[in-house]
Amino acid sequence: MRIIEDIKLDFSDVLISPKRSQLTSRKDADLTRQFTFKHSNHQWRGVPIIASNMDHTGTLKIHGVLSQYDMLTALCKFENWFDAWIPSQTEPDSNLIQTIGLDRNLDELDYDDSMWICLDVANGYTERFNDFVSLMRSHEATKEKIIIAGNVCTPEATEQIILAGADIVKIGIGPGSVCTTRKMTGVGYPQLSCIIECADAAHGLGGHVMSDGGCVSPGDIAKAFGAGADFVMLGGMLAGHDECKGEVENNTMTFYGMSSDDAQLKYYGEKRAHRAAEGKTVHVPYKGSIKDTVQDILGGLRSACTYAGANSLKSLSKCTTFVKVNRQLNEVYS
């Protein structure tokens, strides 16, 4: 047993200190980024925010809206990817990501000409996971794709996954709003420090990181980018909209973690005896069209760039100075 004495930080532990800005208006802040990826050599340009590959948010309807803003959607692995593009007889556009698990036969992917693929597992620390990333980079069906793989939360694991062949490492253990991994296992890492440390490790190797979980407001997204995240994945912030999967009842929508009892029963027909649920089910307020939420997020990011003295999202991390706080919000009327 050992103890790391350094205090690790979460989004609620800091604020971004404002600096002199040369921008004359928030609308002048450029939120688009262009990436060239280490292994695949693909290029992508857009706003690097992703709808999570949970079944509630990883939908084609959400993709239809987010793609209008050049944002990404990770399709839930239980959605039929074949149906996502065959009906129109066109290839899926560059803003839609296919998700797979460790049980997927890569030989079944040879019909798929998409740019992205995400290997999504709860625990990216197993040798089986790392070996599968290596297999994906060498397999005929996936070797040319932008490979996203996770989840992990430490720099050593980030480096290992990039060296195995991933272009982007998905980082975050337990910060999600409907994830109970930290409660059930005691395992995790505060997300802001996770981003800072893993991004530093990835960038040193020419790789990238995708922060997954923990954002509850546009300000948290700004902090994630300020800490060095290349991409930010959102679940709970995008839940409860018309474009999400599920029915509206009593002005709420059901939202659950993909390791919850409800997800296990829905997709596997049973709660497996060898595992505990590491997710919960909640009822989130119905929010109407997701377009309004997206505009709030992008507006908040533009303001954050303006306050921090950054002309673009790409330069935000270079301009960010975090100040540690014991209270970030006045919640007298909350």
C-alpha atoms as a PDB file:
ATOM      1  CA  MET A   1       0.000   0.000   0.000  1.00  0.00           C
ATOM      2  CA  ARG A   2       1.147   3.536  -0.777  1.00  0.00           C
ATOM      3  CA  ILE A   3      -0.409   6.986  -0.522  1.00  0.00           C
ATOM      4  CA  ILE A   4      -0.008   9.775  -3.059  1.00  0.00           C
ATOM      5  CA  GLU A   5       0.230  12.894  -0.920  1.00  0.00           C
ATOM      6  CA  ASP A   6      -0.461  15.410  -3.697  1.00  0.00           C
ATOM      7  CA  ILE A   7      -4.009  16.758  -3.681  1.00  0.00           C
ATOM      8  CA  LYS A   8      -5.810  15.900  -6.909  1.00  0.00           C
ATOM      9  CA  LEU A   9      -8.374  18.323  -8.319  1.00  0.00           C
ATOM     10  CA  ASP A  10     -11.870  18.136  -9.735  1.00  0.00           C
ATOM     11  CA  PHE A  11     -13.749  20.736 -11.783  1.00  0.00           C
ATOM     12  CA  SER A  12     -15.393  22.193  -8.664  1.00  0.00           C
ATOM     13  CA  ASP A  13     -11.995  22.802  -7.040  1.00  0.00           C
ATOM     14  CA  VAL A  14     -10.835  25.508  -9.465  1.00  0.00           C
ATOM     15  CA  LEU A  15     -11.809  28.566 -11.475  1.00  0.00           C
ATOM     16  CA  ILE A  16     -10.080  29.991 -14.554  1.00  0.00           C
ATOM     17  CA  SER A  17      -8.372  33.289 -13.815  1.00  0.00           C
ATOM     18  CA  PRO A  18      -9.315  36.016 -16.358  1.00  0.00           C
ATOM     19  CA  LYS A  19      -6.669  37.743 -18.479  1.00  0.00           C
ATOM     20  CA  ARG A  20      -6.418  40.602 -20.941  1.00  0.00           C
ATOM     21  CA  SER A  21      -8.057  39.698 -24.253  1.00  0.00           C
ATOM     22  CA  GLN A  22      -7.641  41.063 -27.774  1.00  0.00           C
ATOM     23  CA  LEU A  23     -11.015  39.707 -28.884  1.00  0.00           C
ATOM     24  CA  THR A  24     -13.617  42.399 -29.513  1.00  0.00           C
ATOM     25  CA  SER A  25     -16.568  39.995 -29.296  1.00  0.00           C
ATOM     26  CA  ARG A  26     -17.322  36.500 -28.026  1.00  0.00           C
ATOM     27  CA  LYS A  27     -18.366  35.498 -31.535  1.00  0.00           C
ATOM     28  CA  ASP A  28     -14.777  35.968 -32.703  1.00  0.00           C
ATOM     29  CA  ALA A  29     -13.527  33.063 -30.577  1.00  0.00           C
ATOM     30  CA  ASP A  30     -12.812  30.104 -32.879  1.00  0.00           C
ATOM     31  CA  LEU A  31     -14.095  26.844 -31.377  1.00  0.00           C
ATOM     32  CA  THR A  32     -13.034  24.618 -34.267  1.00  0.00           C
ATOM     33  CA  ARG A  33      -9.863  22.573 -34.106  1.00  0.00           C
ATOM     34  CA  GLN A  34      -7.992  20.571 -36.692  1.00  0.00           C
ATOM     35  CA  PHE A  35      -6.252  17.359 -35.709  1.00  0.00           C
ATOM     36  CA  THR A  36      -3.891  15.003 -37.490  1.00  0.00           C
ATOM     37  CA  PHE A  37      -3.805  11.671 -35.696  1.00  0.00           C
ATOM     38  CA  LYS A  38      -0.677   9.736 -34.775  1.00  0.00           C
ATOM     39  CA  HIS A  39      -1.346   6.267 -36.173  1.00  0.00           C
ATOM     40  CA  SER A  40      -4.132   6.649 -38.730  1.00  0.00           C
ATOM     41  CA  ASN A  41      -2.824   9.924 -40.217  1.00  0.00           C
ATOM     42  CA  HIS A  42      -6.432  11.002 -40.747  1.00  0.00           C
ATOM     43  CA  GLN A  43      -7.288  14.653 -40.374  1.00  0.00           C
ATOM     44  CA  TRP A  44     -10.473  15.988 -38.797  1.00  0.00           C
ATOM     45  CA  ARG A  45     -11.722  19.543 -38.298  1.00  0.00           C
ATOM     46  CA  GLY A  46     -14.642  20.551 -36.112  1.00  0.00           C
ATOM     47  CA  VAL A  47     -15.767  21.391 -32.577  1.00  0.00           C
ATOM     48  CA  PRO A  48     -14.283  18.587 -30.430  1.00  0.00           C
ATOM     49  CA  ILE A  49     -17.328  17.851 -28.253  1.00  0.00           C
ATOM     50  CA  ILE A  50     -18.853  14.371 -28.405  1.00  0.00           C
ATOM     51  CA  ALA A  51     -22.229  12.979 -27.381  1.00  0.00           C
ATOM     52  CA  SER A  52     -21.560   9.938 -25.203  1.00  0.00           C
ATOM     53  CA  ASN A  53     -22.053   6.417 -26.549  1.00  0.00           C
ATOM     54  CA  MET A  54     -24.711   5.698 -23.927  1.00  0.00           C
ATOM     55  CA  ASP A  55     -27.974   4.469 -25.425  1.00  0.00           C
ATOM     56  CA  HIS A  56     -29.848   7.601 -24.265  1.00  0.00           C
ATOM     57  CA  THR A  57     -27.461  10.054 -25.954  1.00  0.00           C
ATOM     58  CA  GLY A  58     -25.589   8.063 -28.603  1.00  0.00           C
ATOM     59  CA  THR A  59     -28.445   8.315 -31.106  1.00  0.00           C
ATOM     60  CA  LEU A  60     -28.741   9.189 -34.784  1.00  0.00           C
ATOM     61  CA  LYS A  61     -31.176  11.993 -33.907  1.00  0.00           C
ATOM     62  CA  ILE A  62     -28.583  13.649 -31.673  1.00  0.00           C
ATOM     63  CA  HIS A  63     -26.016  13.136 -34.415  1.00  0.00           C
ATOM     64  CA  GLY A  64     -28.348  14.908 -36.829  1.00  0.00           C
ATOM     65  CA  VAL A  65     -28.316  18.045 -34.669  1.00  0.00           C
ATOM     66  CA  LEU A  66     -24.716  17.990 -33.452  1.00  0.00           C
ATOM     67  CA  SER A  67     -23.362  17.501 -36.966  1.00  0.00           C
ATOM     68  CA  GLN A  68     -24.888  20.866 -37.885  1.00  0.00           C
ATOM     69  CA  TYR A  69     -22.408  22.390 -35.435  1.00  0.00           C
ATOM     70  CA  ASP A  70     -19.512  20.167 -36.609  1.00  0.00           C
ATOM     71  CA  MET A  71     -19.678  18.242 -33.327  1.00  0.00           C
ATOM     72  CA  LEU A  72     -19.305  14.483 -32.914  1.00  0.00           C
ATOM     73  CA  THR A  73     -21.628  11.696 -31.782  1.00  0.00           C
ATOM     74  CA  ALA A  74     -20.455   8.292 -30.566  1.00  0.00           C
ATOM     75  CA  LEU A  75     -23.209   5.894 -31.572  1.00  0.00           C
ATOM     76  CA  CYS A  76     -24.215   3.460 -28.827  1.00  0.00           C
ATOM     77  CA  LYS A  77     -22.705   0.016 -29.443  1.00  0.00           C
ATOM     78  CA  PHE A  78     -26.164  -1.543 -29.195  1.00  0.00           C
ATOM     79  CA  GLU A  79     -27.393   0.522 -32.152  1.00  0.00           C
ATOM     80  CA  ASN A  80     -27.176  -1.178 -35.532  1.00  0.00           C
ATOM     81  CA  TRP A  81     -24.354   0.655 -37.284  1.00  0.00           C
ATOM     82  CA  PHE A  82     -25.350  -0.942 -40.594  1.00  0.00           C
ATOM     83  CA  ASP A  83     -28.709   0.853 -40.366  1.00  0.00           C
ATOM     84  CA  ALA A  84     -26.935   4.144 -39.720  1.00  0.00           C
ATOM     85  CA  TRP A  85     -25.765   4.508 -43.305  1.00  0.00           C
ATOM     86  CA  ILE A  86     -27.070   1.788 -45.634  1.00  0.00           C
ATOM     87  CA  PRO A  87     -30.613   3.254 -46.008  1.00  0.00           C
ATOM     88  CA  SER A  88     -29.215   6.370 -47.693  1.00  0.00           C
ATOM     89  CA  GLN A  89     -26.631   4.377 -49.682  1.00  0.00           C
ATOM     90  CA  THR A  90     -23.947   6.786 -48.511  1.00  0.00           C
ATOM     91  CA  GLU A  91     -21.054   6.473 -46.126  1.00  0.00           C
ATOM     92  CA  PRO A  92     -21.578   7.911 -42.620  1.00  0.00           C
ATOM     93  CA  ASP A  93     -20.178  11.386 -42.325  1.00  0.00           C
ATOM     94  CA  SER A  94     -16.994  12.219 -40.481  1.00  0.00           C
ATOM     95  CA  ASN A  95     -18.845  13.271 -37.309  1.00  0.00           C
ATOM     96  CA  LEU A  96     -20.296   9.849 -36.452  1.00  0.00           C
ATOM     97  CA  ILE A  97     -18.262   7.375 -34.396  1.00  0.00           C
ATOM     98  CA  GLN A  98     -18.882   3.635 -34.227  1.00  0.00           C
ATOM     99  CA  THR A  99     -18.563   2.040 -30.776  1.00  0.00           C
ATOM    100  CA  ILE A 100     -17.549  -1.548 -30.095  1.00  0.00           C
ATOM    101  CA  GLY A 101     -16.688  -3.666 -27.059  1.00  0.00           C
ATOM    102  CA  LEU A 102     -14.122  -6.393 -26.461  1.00  0.00           C
ATOM    103  CA  ASP A 103     -16.604  -9.042 -27.580  1.00  0.00           C
ATOM    104  CA  ARG A 104     -16.812  -7.653 -31.125  1.00  0.00           C
ATOM    105  CA  ASN A 105     -15.495  -9.744 -34.012  1.00  0.00           C
ATOM    106  CA  LEU A 106     -13.416  -7.331 -36.085  1.00  0.00           C
ATOM    107  CA  ASP A 107     -14.019  -9.409 -39.217  1.00  0.00           C
ATOM    108  CA  GLU A 108     -17.629  -8.185 -39.119  1.00  0.00           C
ATOM    109  CA  LEU A 109     -16.488  -4.604 -39.709  1.00  0.00           C
ATOM    110  CA  ASP A 110     -15.177  -5.015 -43.250  1.00  0.00           C
ATOM    111  CA  TYR A 111     -18.305  -3.385 -44.772  1.00  0.00           C
ATOM    112  CA  ASP A 112     -17.702  -0.241 -42.770  1.00  0.00           C
ATOM    113  CA  ASP A 113     -15.804   2.641 -44.372  1.00  0.00           C
ATOM    114  CA  SER A 114     -16.210   5.084 -41.467  1.00  0.00           C
ATOM    115  CA  MET A 115     -13.305   7.203 -40.221  1.00  0.00           C
ATOM    116  CA  TRP A 116     -13.684   6.543 -36.462  1.00  0.00           C
ATOM    117  CA  ILE A 117     -14.024   3.570 -34.134  1.00  0.00           C
ATOM    118  CA  CYS A 118     -14.255   3.637 -30.343  1.00  0.00           C
ATOM    119  CA  LEU A 119     -13.296   0.685 -28.166  1.00  0.00           C
ATOM    120  CA  ASP A 120     -15.298   1.376 -25.017  1.00  0.00           C
ATOM    121  CA  VAL A 121     -14.841  -0.621 -21.820  1.00  0.00           C
ATOM    122  CA  ALA A 122     -15.236   0.307 -18.168  1.00  0.00           C
ATOM    123  CA  ASN A 123     -11.758  -0.901 -17.204  1.00  0.00           C
ATOM    124  CA  GLY A 124      -8.934  -0.160 -19.618  1.00  0.00           C
ATOM    125  CA  TYR A 125      -6.265  -1.621 -17.335  1.00  0.00           C
ATOM    126  CA  THR A 126      -6.556  -5.249 -18.392  1.00  0.00           C
ATOM    127  CA  GLU A 127      -4.011  -6.940 -20.647  1.00  0.00           C
ATOM    128  CA  ARG A 128      -6.893  -8.186 -22.773  1.00  0.00           C
ATOM    129  CA  PHE A 129      -7.898  -4.590 -23.489  1.00  0.00           C
ATOM    130  CA  ASN A 130      -4.389  -3.498 -24.442  1.00  0.00           C
ATOM    131  CA  ASP A 131      -3.944  -6.548 -26.667  1.00  0.00           C
ATOM    132  CA  PHE A 132      -7.240  -5.760 -28.408  1.00  0.00           C
ATOM    133  CA  VAL A 133      -6.067  -2.208 -29.159  1.00  0.00           C
ATOM    134  CA  SER A 134      -2.951  -3.682 -30.783  1.00  0.00           C
ATOM    135  CA  LEU A 135      -5.123  -6.085 -32.755  1.00  0.00           C
ATOM    136  CA  MET A 136      -7.316  -3.231 -33.975  1.00  0.00           C
ATOM    137  CA  ARG A 137      -4.301  -1.308 -35.234  1.00  0.00           C
ATOM    138  CA  SER A 138      -3.082  -4.315 -37.223  1.00  0.00           C
ATOM    139  CA  HIS A 139      -6.430  -5.728 -38.393  1.00  0.00           C
ATOM    140  CA  GLU A 140      -7.419  -5.075 -41.986  1.00  0.00           C
ATOM    141  CA  ALA A 141     -10.855  -3.700 -41.018  1.00  0.00           C
ATOM    142  CA  THR A 142      -9.607  -1.154 -38.478  1.00  0.00           C
ATOM    143  CA  LYS A 143      -5.930  -0.398 -39.083  1.00  0.00           C
ATOM    144  CA  GLU A 144      -6.665   2.790 -41.063  1.00  0.00           C
ATOM    145  CA  LYS A 145      -9.269   4.158 -38.653  1.00  0.00           C
ATOM    146  CA  ILE A 146      -8.987   6.803 -35.969  1.00  0.00           C
ATOM    147  CA  ILE A 147      -9.003   4.515 -32.931  1.00  0.00           C
ATOM    148  CA  ILE A 148     -10.399   5.825 -29.652  1.00  0.00           C
ATOM    149  CA  ALA A 149      -9.811   3.518 -26.675  1.00  0.00           C
ATOM    150  CA  GLY A 150     -10.592   3.679 -22.952  1.00  0.00           C
ATOM    151  CA  ASN A 151     -11.315   4.183 -20.190  1.00  0.00           C
ATOM    152  CA  VAL A 152      -8.268   4.856 -18.033  1.00  0.00           C
ATOM    153  CA  CYS A 153      -7.298   7.698 -15.706  1.00  0.00           C
ATOM    154  CA  THR A 154      -3.521   7.614 -15.231  1.00  0.00           C
ATOM    155  CA  PRO A 155      -0.643   8.803 -17.447  1.00  0.00           C
ATOM    156  CA  GLU A 156       1.135   5.440 -17.500  1.00  0.00           C
ATOM    157  CA  ALA A 157      -1.934   3.682 -18.900  1.00  0.00           C
ATOM    158  CA  THR A 158      -2.485   6.523 -21.371  1.00  0.00           C
ATOM    159  CA  GLU A 159       1.014   6.063 -22.758  1.00  0.00           C
ATOM    160  CA  GLN A 160       0.589   2.292 -22.963  1.00  0.00           C
ATOM    161  CA  ILE A 161      -2.640   2.561 -24.957  1.00  0.00           C
ATOM    162  CA  ILE A 162      -1.160   5.075 -27.410  1.00  0.00           C
ATOM    163  CA  LEU A 163       1.895   2.868 -27.931  1.00  0.00           C
ATOM    164  CA  ALA A 164      -0.471  -0.058 -28.547  1.00  0.00           C
ATOM    165  CA  GLY A 165      -2.026   1.830 -31.458  1.00  0.00           C
ATOM    166  CA  ALA A 166      -4.758   4.189 -30.230  1.00  0.00           C
ATOM    167  CA  ASP A 167      -4.926   7.717 -31.621  1.00  0.00           C
ATOM    168  CA  ILE A 168      -7.117   8.996 -28.775  1.00  0.00           C
ATOM    169  CA  VAL A 169      -7.330   7.694 -25.204  1.00  0.00           C
ATOM    170  CA  LYS A 170     -10.670   8.089 -23.438  1.00  0.00           C
ATOM    171  CA  ILE A 171      -9.980   9.127 -19.864  1.00  0.00           C
ATOM    172  CA  GLY A 172     -12.120   9.100 -16.740  1.00  0.00           C
ATOM    173  CA  ILE A 173     -12.974   6.447 -14.153  1.00  0.00           C
ATOM    174  CA  GLY A 174     -16.141   7.118 -12.215  1.00  0.00           C
ATOM    175  CA  PRO A 175     -16.879  10.851 -12.749  1.00  0.00           C
ATOM    176  CA  GLY A 176     -20.127  10.378 -14.711  1.00  0.00           C
ATOM    177  CA  SER A 177     -23.452  11.515 -13.282  1.00  0.00           C
ATOM    178  CA  VAL A 178     -24.984   8.011 -13.454  1.00  0.00           C
ATOM    179  CA  CYS A 179     -21.777   6.065 -12.780  1.00  0.00           C
ATOM    180  CA  THR A 180     -21.351   4.431  -9.377  1.00  0.00           C
ATOM    181  CA  THR A 181     -17.916   2.854  -9.912  1.00  0.00           C
ATOM    182  CA  ARG A 182     -16.323   4.986  -7.198  1.00  0.00           C
ATOM    183  CA  LYS A 183     -19.077   4.092  -4.744  1.00  0.00           C
ATOM    184  CA  MET A 184     -19.061   0.378  -5.522  1.00  0.00           C
ATOM    185  CA  THR A 185     -15.310  -0.158  -5.900  1.00  0.00           C
ATOM    186  CA  GLY A 186     -13.537   2.793  -4.282  1.00  0.00           C
ATOM    187  CA  VAL A 187     -11.598   3.250  -7.541  1.00  0.00           C
ATOM    188  CA  GLY A 188     -11.228   6.514  -9.453  1.00  0.00           C
ATOM    189  CA  TYR A 189      -9.296   9.733  -9.995  1.00  0.00           C
ATOM    190  CA  PRO A 190     -10.482  13.370  -9.796  1.00  0.00           C
ATOM    191  CA  GLN A 191     -11.215  14.350 -13.378  1.00  0.00           C
ATOM    192  CA  LEU A 192      -9.385  17.673 -13.686  1.00  0.00           C
ATOM    193  CA  SER A 193      -6.097  16.178 -12.470  1.00  0.00           C
ATOM    194  CA  CYS A 194      -6.784  13.153 -14.655  1.00  0.00           C
ATOM    195  CA  ILE A 195      -6.955  15.416 -17.707  1.00  0.00           C
ATOM    196  CA  ILE A 196      -3.863  17.435 -16.772  1.00  0.00           C
ATOM    197  CA  GLU A 197      -1.698  14.359 -16.201  1.00  0.00           C
ATOM    198  CA  CYS A 198      -3.006  12.146 -19.007  1.00  0.00           C
ATOM    199  CA  ALA A 199      -2.965  14.946 -21.584  1.00  0.00           C
ATOM    200  CA  ASP A 200       0.667  15.680 -20.761  1.00  0.00           C
ATOM    201  CA  ALA A 201       1.530  12.012 -21.235  1.00  0.00           C
ATOM    202  CA  ALA A 202      -0.421  11.676 -24.489  1.00  0.00           C
ATOM    203  CA  HIS A 203       0.869  14.873 -26.064  1.00  0.00           C
ATOM    204  CA  GLY A 204       4.440  13.830 -25.356  1.00  0.00           C
ATOM    205  CA  LEU A 205       3.861  10.833 -27.631  1.00  0.00           C
ATOM    206  CA  GLY A 206       1.898  12.694 -30.291  1.00  0.00           C
ATOM    207  CA  GLY A 207      -1.422  11.237 -29.102  1.00  0.00           C
ATOM    208  CA  HIS A 208      -4.651  12.831 -27.885  1.00  0.00           C
ATOM    209  CA  VAL A 209      -7.080  12.462 -24.969  1.00  0.00           C
ATOM    210  CA  MET A 210     -10.850  12.569 -24.699  1.00  0.00           C
ATOM    211  CA  SER A 211     -12.222  13.567 -21.299  1.00  0.00           C
ATOM    212  CA  ASP A 212     -15.233  11.407 -20.474  1.00  0.00           C
ATOM    213  CA  GLY A 213     -17.512  12.389 -17.601  1.00  0.00           C
ATOM    214  CA  GLY A 214     -17.784  14.911 -14.809  1.00  0.00           C
ATOM    215  CA  CYS A 215     -19.002  17.997 -16.675  1.00  0.00           C
ATOM    216  CA  VAL A 216     -22.223  19.461 -15.273  1.00  0.00           C
ATOM    217  CA  SER A 217     -22.047  22.942 -16.834  1.00  0.00           C
ATOM    218  CA  PRO A 218     -20.462  24.757 -19.795  1.00  0.00           C
ATOM    219  CA  GLY A 219     -17.870  26.093 -17.359  1.00  0.00           C
ATOM    220  CA  ASP A 220     -16.713  22.555 -16.609  1.00  0.00           C
ATOM    221  CA  ILE A 221     -16.239  21.922 -20.340  1.00  0.00           C
ATOM    222  CA  ALA A 222     -14.105  25.069 -20.541  1.00  0.00           C
ATOM    223  CA  LYS A 223     -12.026  23.825 -17.592  1.00  0.00           C
ATOM    224  CA  ALA A 224     -11.561  20.449 -19.299  1.00  0.00           C
ATOM    225  CA  PHE A 225     -10.235  22.096 -22.452  1.00  0.00           C
ATOM    226  CA  GLY A 226      -8.171  24.504 -20.352  1.00  0.00           C
ATOM    227  CA  ALA A 227      -6.589  21.503 -18.592  1.00  0.00           C
ATOM    228  CA  GLY A 228      -5.452  20.057 -21.913  1.00  0.00           C
ATOM    229  CA  ALA A 229      -8.291  17.825 -23.119  1.00  0.00           C
ATOM    230  CA  ASP A 230      -8.389  17.527 -26.913  1.00  0.00           C
ATOM    231  CA  PHE A 231     -11.980  16.231 -26.911  1.00  0.00           C
ATOM    232  CA  VAL A 232     -14.736  16.330 -24.285  1.00  0.00           C
ATOM    233  CA  MET A 233     -17.474  13.674 -24.142  1.00  0.00           C
ATOM    234  CA  LEU A 234     -20.837  14.573 -22.593  1.00  0.00           C
ATOM    235  CA  GLY A 235     -23.594  12.307 -21.287  1.00  0.00           C
ATOM    236  CA  GLY A 236     -25.682  13.832 -18.502  1.00  0.00           C
ATOM    237  CA  MET A 237     -25.485  17.352 -19.927  1.00  0.00           C
ATOM    238  CA  LEU A 238     -27.116  16.114 -23.139  1.00  0.00           C
ATOM    239  CA  ALA A 239     -29.706  13.897 -21.426  1.00  0.00           C
ATOM    240  CA  GLY A 240     -33.428  14.651 -21.372  1.00  0.00           C
ATOM    241  CA  HIS A 241     -33.873  16.069 -24.867  1.00  0.00           C
ATOM    242  CA  ASP A 242     -36.224  15.310 -27.737  1.00  0.00           C
ATOM    243  CA  GLU A 243     -33.414  13.672 -29.660  1.00  0.00           C
ATOM    244  CA  CYS A 244     -32.515  11.275 -26.836  1.00  0.00           C
ATOM    245  CA  LYS A 245     -33.761   7.703 -26.659  1.00  0.00           C
ATOM    246  CA  GLY A 246     -36.716   7.233 -24.310  1.00  0.00           C
ATOM    247  CA  GLU A 247     -40.199   8.515 -23.596  1.00  0.00           C
ATOM    248  CA  VAL A 248     -41.223  11.655 -21.759  1.00  0.00           C
ATOM    249  CA  GLU A 249     -43.274  10.855 -18.642  1.00  0.00           C
ATOM    250  CA  ASN A 250     -44.340  13.412 -16.047  1.00  0.00           C
ATOM    251  CA  ASN A 251     -42.042  15.919 -17.739  1.00  0.00           C
ATOM    252  CA  THR A 252     -38.983  13.697 -17.127  1.00  0.00           C
ATOM    253  CA  MET A 253     -36.944  11.145 -19.084  1.00  0.00           C
ATOM    254  CA  THR A 254     -35.222   8.025 -17.774  1.00  0.00           C
ATOM    255  CA  PHE A 255     -31.420   8.106 -17.906  1.00  0.00           C
ATOM    256  CA  TYR A 256     -29.192   5.280 -16.680  1.00  0.00           C
ATOM    257  CA  GLY A 257     -25.575   4.206 -16.661  1.00  0.00           C
ATOM    258  CA  MET A 258     -24.582   1.493 -19.112  1.00  0.00           C
ATOM    259  CA  SER A 259     -23.410  -0.723 -16.233  1.00  0.00           C
ATOM    260  CA  SER A 260     -26.618  -0.251 -14.253  1.00  0.00           C
ATOM    261  CA  ASP A 261     -29.114  -2.977 -13.416  1.00  0.00           C
ATOM    262  CA  ASP A 262     -31.504  -1.550 -16.017  1.00  0.00           C
ATOM    263  CA  ALA A 263     -28.876  -1.678 -18.790  1.00  0.00           C
ATOM    264  CA  GLN A 264     -27.784  -5.197 -17.885  1.00  0.00           C
ATOM    265  CA  LEU A 265     -31.371  -6.455 -17.913  1.00  0.00           C
ATOM    266  CA  LYS A 266     -32.176  -4.638 -21.158  1.00  0.00           C
ATOM    267  CA  TYR A 267     -29.188  -5.782 -23.197  1.00  0.00           C
ATOM    268  CA  TYR A 268     -28.158  -9.064 -21.582  1.00  0.00           C
ATOM    269  CA  GLY A 269     -31.482 -10.275 -20.229  1.00  0.00           C
ATOM    270  CA  GLU A 270     -30.155 -10.682 -16.710  1.00  0.00           C
ATOM    271  CA  LYS A 271     -27.989  -9.158 -14.031  1.00  0.00           C
ATOM    272  CA  ARG A 272     -24.861 -11.250 -14.257  1.00  0.00           C
ATOM    273  CA  ALA A 273     -24.073 -13.038 -11.005  1.00  0.00           C
ATOM    274  CA  HIS A 274     -20.350 -12.246 -11.067  1.00  0.00           C
ATOM    275  CA  ARG A 275     -20.732  -8.477 -11.257  1.00  0.00           C
ATOM    276  CA  ALA A 276     -22.329  -5.653  -9.312  1.00  0.00           C
ATOM    277  CA  ALA A 277     -24.113  -2.759 -10.957  1.00  0.00           C
ATOM    278  CA  GLU A 278     -21.784   0.214 -11.386  1.00  0.00           C
ATOM    279  CA  GLY A 279     -24.434   2.595 -12.647  1.00  0.00           C
ATOM    280  CA  LYS A 280     -27.734   4.019 -11.490  1.00  0.00           C
ATOM    281  CA  THR A 281     -31.053   5.059 -12.992  1.00  0.00           C
ATOM    282  CA  VAL A 282     -32.352   8.608 -12.611  1.00  0.00           C
ATOM    283  CA  HIS A 283     -35.170  10.712 -14.004  1.00  0.00           C
ATOM    284  CA  VAL A 284     -33.863  13.899 -15.593  1.00  0.00           C
ATOM    285  CA  PRO A 285     -36.060  16.917 -16.385  1.00  0.00           C
ATOM    286  CA  TYR A 286     -37.349  17.042 -19.945  1.00  0.00           C
ATOM    287  CA  LYS A 287     -35.463  19.843 -21.723  1.00  0.00           C
ATOM    288  CA  GLY A 288     -36.991  20.032 -25.213  1.00  0.00           C
ATOM    289  CA  SER A 289     -34.754  20.415 -28.249  1.00  0.00           C
ATOM    290  CA  ILE A 290     -31.055  19.719 -27.782  1.00  0.00           C
ATOM    291  CA  LYS A 291     -30.239  22.680 -30.017  1.00  0.00           C
ATOM    292  CA  ASP A 292     -30.817  25.150 -27.163  1.00  0.00           C
ATOM    293  CA  THR A 293     -28.435  23.242 -24.881  1.00  0.00           C
ATOM    294  CA  VAL A 294     -25.788  23.049 -27.602  1.00  0.00           C
ATOM    295  CA  GLN A 295     -25.987  26.795 -28.166  1.00  0.00           C
ATOM    296  CA  ASP A 296     -25.586  27.403 -24.415  1.00  0.00           C
ATOM    297  CA  ILE A 297     -22.511  25.181 -24.343  1.00  0.00           C
ATOM    298  CA  LEU A 298     -20.891  26.847 -27.336  1.00  0.00           C
ATOM    299  CA  GLY A 299     -21.767  30.303 -26.028  1.00  0.00           C
ATOM    300  CA  GLY A 300     -20.186  29.481 -22.667  1.00  0.00           C
ATOM    301  CA  LEU A 301     -17.024  28.236 -24.376  1.00  0.00           C
ATOM    302  CA  ARG A 302     -16.733  31.394 -26.469  1.00  0.00           C
ATOM    303  CA  SER A 303     -17.075  33.514 -23.329  1.00  0.00           C
ATOM    304  CA  ALA A 304     -14.486  31.382 -21.532  1.00  0.00           C
ATOM    305  CA  CYS A 305     -12.000  31.962 -24.352  1.00  0.00           C
ATOM    306  CA  THR A 306     -12.697  35.695 -24.205  1.00  0.00           C
ATOM    307  CA  TYR A 307     -12.189  35.854 -20.433  1.00  0.00           C
ATOM    308  CA  ALA A 308      -9.009  33.764 -20.556  1.00  0.00           C
ATOM    309  CA  GLY A 309      -7.451  35.786 -23.357  1.00  0.00           C
ATOM    310  CA  ALA A 310      -7.575  32.913 -25.862  1.00  0.00           C
ATOM    311  CA  ASN A 311      -8.394  33.637 -29.506  1.00  0.00           C
ATOM    312  CA  SER A 312      -9.346  30.023 -30.094  1.00  0.00           C
ATOM    313  CA  LEU A 313     -10.194  26.801 -28.324  1.00  0.00           C
ATOM    314  CA  LYS A 314      -6.830  25.428 -29.383  1.00  0.00           C
ATOM    315  CA  SER A 315      -5.017  28.168 -27.462  1.00  0.00           C
ATOM    316  CA  LEU A 316      -7.237  27.965 -24.362  1.00  0.00           C
ATOM    317  CA  SER A 317      -4.976  25.516 -22.516  1.00  0.00           C
ATOM    318  CA  LYS A 318      -1.960  27.760 -23.157  1.00  0.00           C
ATOM    319  CA  CYS A 319      -3.847  30.748 -21.719  1.00  0.00           C
ATOM    320  CA  THR A 320      -5.425  28.992 -18.740  1.00  0.00           C
ATOM    321  CA  THR A 321      -4.334  29.681 -15.179  1.00  0.00           C
ATOM    322  CA  PHE A 322      -6.360  27.762 -12.604  1.00  0.00           C
ATOM    323  CA  VAL A 323      -6.930  29.200  -9.149  1.00  0.00           C
ATOM    324  CA  LYS A 324      -7.864  26.737  -6.416  1.00  0.00           C
ATOM    325  CA  VAL A 325     -11.039  27.697  -4.540  1.00  0.00           C
ATOM    326  CA  ASN A 326     -13.090  26.440  -1.606  1.00  0.00           C
ATOM    327  CA  ARG A 327     -16.330  27.625  -3.230  1.00  0.00           C
ATOM    328  CA  GLN A 328     -16.886  28.413  -6.888  1.00  0.00           C
ATOM    329  CA  LEU A 329     -20.580  29.383  -6.914  1.00  0.00           C
ATOM    330  CA  ASN A 330     -22.926  31.548  -4.869  1.00  0.00           C
ATOM    331  CA  GLU A 331     -25.815  29.145  -4.411  1.00  0.00           C
ATOM    332  CA  VAL A 332     -28.071  31.234  -2.183  1.00  0.00           C
ATOM    333  CA  TYR A 333     -30.895  30.967  -4.725  1.00  0.00           C
ATOM    334  CA  SER A 334     -30.129  27.478  -6.017  1.00  0.00           C
END
